Amino acid sequence: MRTFILILTLGLFAYAKPIVLPDNFKANFTQKISNPKKKIINYSGKIQFSNEATLKWSYTKPTKKEVCIDGKELTVVDHDLEQVSNYIINKGFNFAKIVKKAKLHKKNIYVSKYENTSYTIQLNDSKLHSIAYFDELDNKVQIVFKNVKYGKGNLSKKSMTCKVPKDYDMIRG
């Protein structure tokens, strides 16, 4: 009997559906960051994802900021500070790789380990609902997606690029 239950359980995990990323998606998001002292910061905005390497976060609250990732470089446009920061990506939050490494934990909850960080991913009707993890400063980060729209094909390069005003200060990292 114990062997039968083990085989049945392993069989269910073997046939568990992996998370399938669409060619692109757009969604509204809320991001809650809690530090170890229980101080909480809430952000919200829109996210766009395209072709596994391109991601754009457009923050609207509490500050206006854009974060664009093209697989090689990360650009942060902080409209409140009138500042643009560019960084070469060598590791960090790679959304597509995190999702591809996800393994079914239970029902619609997946767990992924990437770059020594564990991510918990929840789906709703086979679409992305939330991601939670602890960052390198031990802050708990929870991102909840709403009004998720999956699409085919890549989003335009223009829509995935941060708008950089010419008079903003430029910082290279």
C-alpha atoms as a PDB file:
ATOM      1  CA  MET A   1       0.000   0.000   0.000  1.00  0.00           C
ATOM      2  CA  ARG A   2       2.802   2.421   0.915  1.00  0.00           C
ATOM      3  CA  THR A   3       4.501   1.664  -2.427  1.00  0.00           C
ATOM      4  CA  PHE A   4       1.246   2.348  -4.295  1.00  0.00           C
ATOM      5  CA  ILE A   5       0.838   5.754  -2.609  1.00  0.00           C
ATOM      6  CA  LEU A   6       4.472   6.636  -3.364  1.00  0.00           C
ATOM      7  CA  ILE A   7       4.078   5.662  -7.041  1.00  0.00           C
ATOM      8  CA  LEU A   8       0.799   7.607  -7.286  1.00  0.00           C
ATOM      9  CA  THR A   9       2.361  10.698  -5.697  1.00  0.00           C
ATOM     10  CA  LEU A  10       5.431  10.563  -7.937  1.00  0.00           C
ATOM     11  CA  GLY A  11       3.191  10.032 -10.941  1.00  0.00           C
ATOM     12  CA  LEU A  12       1.153  13.134 -10.120  1.00  0.00           C
ATOM     13  CA  PHE A  13       4.316  15.245  -9.861  1.00  0.00           C
ATOM     14  CA  ALA A  14       5.666  13.772 -13.094  1.00  0.00           C
ATOM     15  CA  TYR A  15       2.489  14.821 -14.923  1.00  0.00           C
ATOM     16  CA  ALA A  16       2.115  18.140 -13.099  1.00  0.00           C
ATOM     17  CA  LYS A  17       1.832  20.952 -15.571  1.00  0.00           C
ATOM     18  CA  PRO A  18       4.837  23.263 -15.627  1.00  0.00           C
ATOM     19  CA  ILE A  19       4.224  26.984 -15.711  1.00  0.00           C
ATOM     20  CA  VAL A  20       3.996  28.023 -19.336  1.00  0.00           C
ATOM     21  CA  LEU A  21       5.123  31.538 -20.115  1.00  0.00           C
ATOM     22  CA  PRO A  22       3.296  33.246 -22.945  1.00  0.00           C
ATOM     23  CA  ASP A  23       5.214  35.198 -25.598  1.00  0.00           C
ATOM     24  CA  ASN A  24       4.168  38.323 -23.704  1.00  0.00           C
ATOM     25  CA  PHE A  25       1.931  39.534 -20.938  1.00  0.00           C
ATOM     26  CA  LYS A  26       0.717  42.771 -19.421  1.00  0.00           C
ATOM     27  CA  ALA A  27      -0.720  43.239 -15.933  1.00  0.00           C
ATOM     28  CA  ASN A  28      -1.282  45.654 -13.093  1.00  0.00           C
ATOM     29  CA  PHE A  29       0.744  44.855  -9.994  1.00  0.00           C
ATOM     30  CA  THR A  30       1.061  45.666  -6.327  1.00  0.00           C
ATOM     31  CA  GLN A  31       4.371  45.079  -4.580  1.00  0.00           C
ATOM     32  CA  LYS A  32       4.648  44.834  -0.820  1.00  0.00           C
ATOM     33  CA  ILE A  33       8.095  44.930   0.765  1.00  0.00           C
ATOM     34  CA  SER A  34       8.383  44.130   4.489  1.00  0.00           C
ATOM     35  CA  ASN A  35      11.722  44.553   6.234  1.00  0.00           C
ATOM     36  CA  PRO A  36      12.810  42.436   9.225  1.00  0.00           C
ATOM     37  CA  LYS A  37      11.569  45.187  11.583  1.00  0.00           C
ATOM     38  CA  LYS A  38       8.069  44.848  10.026  1.00  0.00           C
ATOM     39  CA  LYS A  39       8.194  48.215   8.238  1.00  0.00           C
ATOM     40  CA  ILE A  40       6.133  47.939   5.043  1.00  0.00           C
ATOM     41  CA  ILE A  41       6.394  49.800   1.742  1.00  0.00           C
ATOM     42  CA  ASN A  42       3.660  49.347  -0.885  1.00  0.00           C
ATOM     43  CA  TYR A  43       4.158  50.040  -4.585  1.00  0.00           C
ATOM     44  CA  SER A  44       1.812  49.691  -7.537  1.00  0.00           C
ATOM     45  CA  GLY A  45       1.893  50.083 -11.274  1.00  0.00           C
ATOM     46  CA  LYS A  46       1.948  48.118 -14.520  1.00  0.00           C
ATOM     47  CA  ILE A  47       4.247  45.392 -15.803  1.00  0.00           C
ATOM     48  CA  GLN A  48       4.982  44.218 -19.347  1.00  0.00           C
ATOM     49  CA  PHE A  49       6.914  41.069 -20.248  1.00  0.00           C
ATOM     50  CA  SER A  50       8.133  40.088 -23.710  1.00  0.00           C
ATOM     51  CA  ASN A  51      10.396  37.449 -25.297  1.00  0.00           C
ATOM     52  CA  GLU A  52      11.795  35.964 -22.058  1.00  0.00           C
ATOM     53  CA  ALA A  53      14.444  38.675 -21.654  1.00  0.00           C
ATOM     54  CA  THR A  54      12.522  41.931 -21.720  1.00  0.00           C
ATOM     55  CA  LEU A  55      10.625  43.244 -18.722  1.00  0.00           C
ATOM     56  CA  LYS A  56       9.266  46.709 -17.964  1.00  0.00           C
ATOM     57  CA  TRP A  57       7.925  47.828 -14.588  1.00  0.00           C
ATOM     58  CA  SER A  58       6.086  51.173 -14.607  1.00  0.00           C
ATOM     59  CA  TYR A  59       5.628  52.227 -10.980  1.00  0.00           C
ATOM     60  CA  THR A  60       2.898  54.806 -10.329  1.00  0.00           C
ATOM     61  CA  LYS A  61       2.605  54.792  -6.512  1.00  0.00           C
ATOM     62  CA  PRO A  62       4.052  55.968  -4.187  1.00  0.00           C
ATOM     63  CA  THR A  63       6.637  57.311  -6.668  1.00  0.00           C
ATOM     64  CA  LYS A  64       6.751  57.459 -10.447  1.00  0.00           C
ATOM     65  CA  LYS A  65       9.533  55.217 -11.716  1.00  0.00           C
ATOM     66  CA  GLU A  66      10.270  52.952 -14.680  1.00  0.00           C
ATOM     67  CA  VAL A  67      12.496  49.875 -14.560  1.00  0.00           C
ATOM     68  CA  CYS A  68      13.438  48.271 -17.880  1.00  0.00           C
ATOM     69  CA  ILE A  69      15.393  45.053 -18.349  1.00  0.00           C
ATOM     70  CA  ASP A  70      16.542  43.871 -21.765  1.00  0.00           C
ATOM     71  CA  GLY A  71      18.519  40.814 -20.670  1.00  0.00           C
ATOM     72  CA  LYS A  72      21.853  42.675 -20.696  1.00  0.00           C
ATOM     73  CA  GLU A  73      21.162  45.983 -18.994  1.00  0.00           C
ATOM     74  CA  LEU A  74      18.846  47.304 -16.303  1.00  0.00           C
ATOM     75  CA  THR A  75      17.663  50.915 -16.583  1.00  0.00           C
ATOM     76  CA  VAL A  76      15.925  52.749 -13.726  1.00  0.00           C
ATOM     77  CA  VAL A  77      14.263  56.074 -14.500  1.00  0.00           C
ATOM     78  CA  ASP A  78      13.289  57.829 -11.265  1.00  0.00           C
ATOM     79  CA  HIS A  79      11.017  60.698 -12.241  1.00  0.00           C
ATOM     80  CA  ASP A  80      10.858  62.117  -8.695  1.00  0.00           C
ATOM     81  CA  LEU A  81      14.663  62.386  -8.495  1.00  0.00           C
ATOM     82  CA  GLU A  82      15.015  63.235 -12.211  1.00  0.00           C
ATOM     83  CA  GLN A  83      17.692  60.576 -12.401  1.00  0.00           C
ATOM     84  CA  VAL A  84      18.503  57.628 -14.674  1.00  0.00           C
ATOM     85  CA  SER A  85      20.637  54.688 -13.518  1.00  0.00           C
ATOM     86  CA  ASN A  86      22.016  52.024 -15.862  1.00  0.00           C
ATOM     87  CA  TYR A  87      23.507  48.733 -14.700  1.00  0.00           C
ATOM     88  CA  ILE A  88      25.000  45.790 -16.548  1.00  0.00           C
ATOM     89  CA  ILE A  89      23.156  42.629 -15.508  1.00  0.00           C
ATOM     90  CA  ASN A  90      25.328  39.800 -14.283  1.00  0.00           C
ATOM     91  CA  LYS A  91      22.747  38.121 -12.058  1.00  0.00           C
ATOM     92  CA  GLY A  92      19.580  38.904 -10.194  1.00  0.00           C
ATOM     93  CA  PHE A  93      15.860  38.748 -10.879  1.00  0.00           C
ATOM     94  CA  ASN A  94      15.506  36.873 -14.184  1.00  0.00           C
ATOM     95  CA  PHE A  95      11.765  36.368 -14.448  1.00  0.00           C
ATOM     96  CA  ALA A  96      11.801  33.810 -17.281  1.00  0.00           C
ATOM     97  CA  LYS A  97      14.469  31.619 -15.652  1.00  0.00           C
ATOM     98  CA  ILE A  98      12.712  31.769 -12.286  1.00  0.00           C
ATOM     99  CA  VAL A  99       9.444  30.594 -13.838  1.00  0.00           C
ATOM    100  CA  LYS A 100      11.112  27.885 -15.953  1.00  0.00           C
ATOM    101  CA  LYS A 101      12.747  26.375 -12.848  1.00  0.00           C
ATOM    102  CA  ALA A 102       9.457  26.294 -10.931  1.00  0.00           C
ATOM    103  CA  LYS A 103       8.272  22.943  -9.604  1.00  0.00           C
ATOM    104  CA  LEU A 104       4.753  22.208  -8.461  1.00  0.00           C
ATOM    105  CA  HIS A 105       4.495  22.346  -4.676  1.00  0.00           C
ATOM    106  CA  LYS A 106       0.737  21.900  -4.287  1.00  0.00           C
ATOM    107  CA  LYS A 107      -2.328  22.616  -6.406  1.00  0.00           C
ATOM    108  CA  ASN A 108      -1.600  26.027  -8.010  1.00  0.00           C
ATOM    109  CA  ILE A 109       1.531  26.900  -6.001  1.00  0.00           C
ATOM    110  CA  TYR A 110       5.030  26.436  -7.400  1.00  0.00           C
ATOM    111  CA  VAL A 111       8.471  26.833  -5.862  1.00  0.00           C
ATOM    112  CA  SER A 112      11.566  27.895  -7.784  1.00  0.00           C
ATOM    113  CA  LYS A 113      15.184  28.225  -6.704  1.00  0.00           C
ATOM    114  CA  TYR A 114      17.294  30.664  -8.711  1.00  0.00           C
ATOM    115  CA  GLU A 115      20.595  32.370  -7.792  1.00  0.00           C
ATOM    116  CA  ASN A 116      20.338  31.097  -4.178  1.00  0.00           C
ATOM    117  CA  THR A 117      16.879  32.613  -3.709  1.00  0.00           C
ATOM    118  CA  SER A 118      13.656  30.647  -3.298  1.00  0.00           C
ATOM    119  CA  TYR A 119      10.570  32.008  -5.028  1.00  0.00           C
ATOM    120  CA  THR A 120       6.964  30.993  -4.382  1.00  0.00           C
ATOM    121  CA  ILE A 121       4.775  31.439  -7.451  1.00  0.00           C
ATOM    122  CA  GLN A 122       0.999  31.189  -7.429  1.00  0.00           C
ATOM    123  CA  LEU A 123      -1.204  30.771 -10.489  1.00  0.00           C
ATOM    124  CA  ASN A 124      -4.881  31.591 -10.873  1.00  0.00           C
ATOM    125  CA  ASP A 125      -6.700  29.959 -13.814  1.00  0.00           C
ATOM    126  CA  SER A 126      -3.277  28.946 -15.232  1.00  0.00           C
ATOM    127  CA  LYS A 127      -2.139  32.586 -15.261  1.00  0.00           C
ATOM    128  CA  LEU A 128       0.404  34.266 -13.049  1.00  0.00           C
ATOM    129  CA  HIS A 129      -1.141  35.565  -9.817  1.00  0.00           C
ATOM    130  CA  SER A 130       1.770  36.288  -7.434  1.00  0.00           C
ATOM    131  CA  ILE A 131       5.463  35.868  -6.664  1.00  0.00           C
ATOM    132  CA  ALA A 132       6.977  36.020  -3.172  1.00  0.00           C
ATOM    133  CA  TYR A 133      10.592  35.825  -2.041  1.00  0.00           C
ATOM    134  CA  PHE A 134      13.146  37.196   0.407  1.00  0.00           C
ATOM    135  CA  ASP A 135      15.661  39.583  -1.146  1.00  0.00           C
ATOM    136  CA  GLU A 136      19.378  39.891  -0.279  1.00  0.00           C
ATOM    137  CA  LEU A 137      18.547  42.269   2.621  1.00  0.00           C
ATOM    138  CA  ASP A 138      16.062  39.786   4.169  1.00  0.00           C
ATOM    139  CA  ASN A 139      13.109  41.887   3.055  1.00  0.00           C
ATOM    140  CA  LYS A 140      10.013  39.881   2.235  1.00  0.00           C
ATOM    141  CA  VAL A 141       8.823  40.846  -1.256  1.00  0.00           C
ATOM    142  CA  GLN A 142       5.361  39.955  -2.485  1.00  0.00           C
ATOM    143  CA  ILE A 143       4.171  40.921  -5.965  1.00  0.00           C
ATOM    144  CA  VAL A 144       0.509  40.373  -6.849  1.00  0.00           C
ATOM    145  CA  PHE A 145      -0.632  40.589 -10.472  1.00  0.00           C
ATOM    146  CA  LYS A 146      -4.149  41.652 -11.538  1.00  0.00           C
ATOM    147  CA  ASN A 147      -5.859  41.960 -14.920  1.00  0.00           C
ATOM    148  CA  VAL A 148      -3.223  39.688 -16.468  1.00  0.00           C
ATOM    149  CA  LYS A 149      -3.452  39.571 -20.263  1.00  0.00           C
ATOM    150  CA  TYR A 150      -1.379  36.952 -22.100  1.00  0.00           C
ATOM    151  CA  GLY A 151      -0.484  37.488 -25.753  1.00  0.00           C
ATOM    152  CA  LYS A 152       1.388  36.003 -28.701  1.00  0.00           C
ATOM    153  CA  GLY A 153       4.444  37.515 -30.340  1.00  0.00           C
ATOM    154  CA  ASN A 154       6.836  40.087 -28.941  1.00  0.00           C
ATOM    155  CA  LEU A 155       5.710  43.478 -27.713  1.00  0.00           C
ATOM    156  CA  SER A 156       7.191  46.405 -29.633  1.00  0.00           C
ATOM    157  CA  LYS A 157      10.700  47.455 -28.637  1.00  0.00           C
ATOM    158  CA  LYS A 158       9.446  51.029 -28.172  1.00  0.00           C
ATOM    159  CA  SER A 159       6.803  49.956 -25.623  1.00  0.00           C
ATOM    160  CA  MET A 160       9.430  47.973 -23.676  1.00  0.00           C
ATOM    161  CA  THR A 161      11.978  50.815 -23.489  1.00  0.00           C
ATOM    162  CA  CYS A 162      12.119  53.322 -20.640  1.00  0.00           C
ATOM    163  CA  LYS A 163      11.509  56.918 -21.635  1.00  0.00           C
ATOM    164  CA  VAL A 164      14.613  58.873 -20.605  1.00  0.00           C
ATOM    165  CA  PRO A 165      14.231  62.662 -20.490  1.00  0.00           C
ATOM    166  CA  LYS A 166      17.389  64.392 -21.780  1.00  0.00           C
ATOM    167  CA  ASP A 167      17.714  66.688 -18.766  1.00  0.00           C
ATOM    168  CA  TYR A 168      17.825  63.893 -16.138  1.00  0.00           C
ATOM    169  CA  ASP A 169      21.108  63.079 -14.376  1.00  0.00           C
ATOM    170  CA  MET A 170      22.733  59.871 -15.674  1.00  0.00           C
ATOM    171  CA  ILE A 171      24.422  57.301 -13.393  1.00  0.00           C
ATOM    172  CA  ARG A 172      26.262  54.256 -14.706  1.00  0.00           C
ATOM    173  CA  GLY A 173      26.708  51.332 -12.335  1.00  0.00           C
END
